[in-house]
C-alpha atoms as a PDB file:
ATOM      1  CA  MET A   1       0.000   0.000   0.000  1.00  0.00           C
ATOM      2  CA  HIS A   2       2.829   2.353   0.634  1.00  0.00           C
ATOM      3  CA  SER A   3       3.901   2.356  -3.018  1.00  0.00           C
ATOM      4  CA  ASN A   4       0.345   3.092  -4.110  1.00  0.00           C
ATOM      5  CA  ARG A   5       0.245   6.297  -2.017  1.00  0.00           C
ATOM      6  CA  SER A   6       3.553   7.568  -3.401  1.00  0.00           C
ATOM      7  CA  ALA A   7       2.438   6.816  -6.943  1.00  0.00           C
ATOM      8  CA  ASN A   8      -0.789   8.753  -6.380  1.00  0.00           C
ATOM      9  CA  ARG A   9       1.117  11.654  -4.846  1.00  0.00           C
ATOM     10  CA  LEU A  10       3.522  11.758  -7.795  1.00  0.00           C
ATOM     11  CA  ARG A  11       0.646  11.540 -10.244  1.00  0.00           C
ATOM     12  CA  ARG A  12      -1.065  14.479  -8.520  1.00  0.00           C
ATOM     13  CA  LEU A  13       2.111  16.589  -8.383  1.00  0.00           C
ATOM     14  CA  THR A  14       3.248  15.958 -11.967  1.00  0.00           C
ATOM     15  CA  PRO A  15       1.108  18.702 -13.607  1.00  0.00           C
ATOM     16  CA  TYR A  16       2.356  21.241 -11.070  1.00  0.00           C
ATOM     17  CA  LEU A  17       5.981  20.217 -11.512  1.00  0.00           C
ATOM     18  CA  VAL A  18       5.672  20.437 -15.292  1.00  0.00           C
ATOM     19  CA  THR A  19       4.047  23.855 -15.046  1.00  0.00           C
ATOM     20  CA  VAL A  20       6.735  25.187 -12.702  1.00  0.00           C
ATOM     21  CA  GLY A  21       9.502  23.756 -14.874  1.00  0.00           C
ATOM     22  CA  LEU A  22       7.995  25.261 -18.014  1.00  0.00           C
ATOM     23  CA  GLY A  23       7.520  28.609 -16.308  1.00  0.00           C
ATOM     24  CA  LEU A  24      11.128  28.697 -15.147  1.00  0.00           C
ATOM     25  CA  SER A  25      12.479  27.765 -18.558  1.00  0.00           C
ATOM     26  CA  VAL A  26      10.378  30.441 -20.278  1.00  0.00           C
ATOM     27  CA  ALA A  27      11.536  33.044 -17.766  1.00  0.00           C
ATOM     28  CA  ALA A  28      15.173  32.038 -18.247  1.00  0.00           C
ATOM     29  CA  HIS A  29      14.802  32.215 -22.021  1.00  0.00           C
ATOM     30  CA  ALA A  30      13.182  35.645 -21.811  1.00  0.00           C
ATOM     31  CA  ALA A  31      16.043  36.917 -19.642  1.00  0.00           C
ATOM     32  CA  GLU A  32      18.665  36.047 -22.270  1.00  0.00           C
ATOM     33  CA  PRO A  33      19.704  39.051 -24.368  1.00  0.00           C
ATOM     34  CA  GLU A  34      18.748  38.870 -28.028  1.00  0.00           C
ATOM     35  CA  PRO A  35      21.679  38.923 -30.433  1.00  0.00           C
ATOM     36  CA  ALA A  36      21.741  42.225 -32.249  1.00  0.00           C
ATOM     37  CA  ASP A  37      21.753  41.871 -36.006  1.00  0.00           C
ATOM     38  CA  ASP A  38      22.578  45.531 -36.518  1.00  0.00           C
ATOM     39  CA  VAL A  39      25.789  45.520 -34.470  1.00  0.00           C
ATOM     40  CA  GLN A  40      27.894  45.341 -37.608  1.00  0.00           C
ATOM     41  CA  THR A  41      25.995  48.183 -39.269  1.00  0.00           C
ATOM     42  CA  GLU A  42      26.623  50.417 -36.258  1.00  0.00           C
ATOM     43  CA  THR A  43      30.375  49.925 -36.494  1.00  0.00           C
ATOM     44  CA  GLU A  44      30.466  50.455 -40.257  1.00  0.00           C
ATOM     45  CA  ILE A  45      30.980  54.088 -41.151  1.00  0.00           C
ATOM     46  CA  PRO A  46      29.203  55.294 -44.278  1.00  0.00           C
ATOM     47  CA  ALA A  47      31.145  57.163 -46.915  1.00  0.00           C
ATOM     48  CA  PRO A  48      31.456  60.931 -46.415  1.00  0.00           C
ATOM     49  CA  THR A  49      28.751  62.898 -48.207  1.00  0.00           C
ATOM     50  CA  LEU A  50      30.048  66.486 -48.238  1.00  0.00           C
ATOM     51  CA  ASP A  51      33.043  68.136 -49.914  1.00  0.00           C
ATOM     52  CA  ILE A  52      33.954  70.929 -47.528  1.00  0.00           C
ATOM     53  CA  ASP A  53      37.191  72.223 -49.024  1.00  0.00           C
ATOM     54  CA  GLY A  54      36.084  71.999 -52.676  1.00  0.00           C
ATOM     55  CA  ASP A  55      38.858  69.670 -53.825  1.00  0.00           C
ATOM     56  CA  GLY A  56      36.442  67.069 -55.260  1.00  0.00           C
ATOM     57  CA  THR A  57      36.999  64.603 -52.425  1.00  0.00           C
ATOM     58  CA  MET A  58      34.200  63.960 -49.986  1.00  0.00           C
ATOM     59  CA  ASP A  59      35.598  64.751 -46.559  1.00  0.00           C
ATOM     60  CA  ALA A  60      32.692  65.438 -44.190  1.00  0.00           C
ATOM     61  CA  TRP A  61      29.514  63.813 -42.895  1.00  0.00           C
ATOM     62  CA  ASP A  62      26.050  65.185 -42.229  1.00  0.00           C
ATOM     63  CA  ARG A  63      25.032  62.914 -39.354  1.00  0.00           C
ATOM     64  CA  ASN A  64      21.830  64.700 -38.343  1.00  0.00           C
ATOM     65  CA  GLY A  65      20.480  65.463 -41.843  1.00  0.00           C
ATOM     66  CA  ASP A  66      20.502  69.277 -41.741  1.00  0.00           C
ATOM     67  CA  GLU A  67      22.848  69.548 -44.766  1.00  0.00           C
ATOM     68  CA  GLN A  68      25.597  70.962 -42.544  1.00  0.00           C
ATOM     69  CA  PRO A  69      28.802  69.046 -41.757  1.00  0.00           C
ATOM     70  CA  ASP A  70      29.080  67.680 -38.245  1.00  0.00           C
ATOM     71  CA  ALA A  71      31.942  65.180 -38.671  1.00  0.00           C
ATOM     72  CA  TRP A  72      35.167  65.682 -40.616  1.00  0.00           C
ATOM     73  CA  ASP A  73      37.956  63.477 -41.971  1.00  0.00           C
ATOM     74  CA  SER A  74      41.072  65.516 -41.220  1.00  0.00           C
ATOM     75  CA  ASP A  75      43.687  62.953 -42.254  1.00  0.00           C
ATOM     76  CA  GLY A  76      42.090  61.484 -45.407  1.00  0.00           C
ATOM     77  CA  ASP A  77      41.663  57.917 -44.152  1.00  0.00           C
ATOM     78  CA  GLY A  78      37.896  57.813 -44.733  1.00  0.00           C
ATOM     79  CA  GLN A  79      37.146  57.816 -40.990  1.00  0.00           C
ATOM     80  CA  PRO A  80      35.715  60.830 -39.165  1.00  0.00           C
ATOM     81  CA  ASP A  81      38.326  62.374 -36.878  1.00  0.00           C
ATOM     82  CA  LEU A  82      36.687  65.628 -35.781  1.00  0.00           C
ATOM     83  CA  PHE A  83      33.106  65.897 -34.511  1.00  0.00           C
ATOM     84  CA  ASP A  84      30.590  68.644 -33.816  1.00  0.00           C
ATOM     85  CA  ASN A  85      28.507  67.152 -31.029  1.00  0.00           C
ATOM     86  CA  ASP A  86      27.129  70.418 -29.628  1.00  0.00           C
ATOM     87  CA  GLY A  87      25.663  71.696 -32.929  1.00  0.00           C
ATOM     88  CA  ASP A  88      27.625  74.929 -33.235  1.00  0.00           C
ATOM     89  CA  GLY A  89      29.061  74.099 -36.681  1.00  0.00           C
ATOM     90  CA  GLN A  90      32.631  73.790 -35.397  1.00  0.00           C
ATOM     91  CA  HIS A  91      34.440  70.647 -34.312  1.00  0.00           C
ATOM     92  CA  ASP A  92      34.668  70.108 -30.561  1.00  0.00           C
END
């Protein structure tokens, strides 16, 4: 008779144990950070769009879309070196 009681107890607890286990696994999965697909696009720098000194080479960026330069390539490597982060039109 003893084994019959433990089997009944296990049979009664099984739905609860499954529910708790499923709930914990869903919560753990939700807590994992999603891999960002746009991480590579954030590190890629677009080509400069403005020719500031008039030499025919694009050497500045308009990052905020106001048609004014706010990042400059001072050494010609295609990477912005100087930035205008306060919006005054001059590099900081």
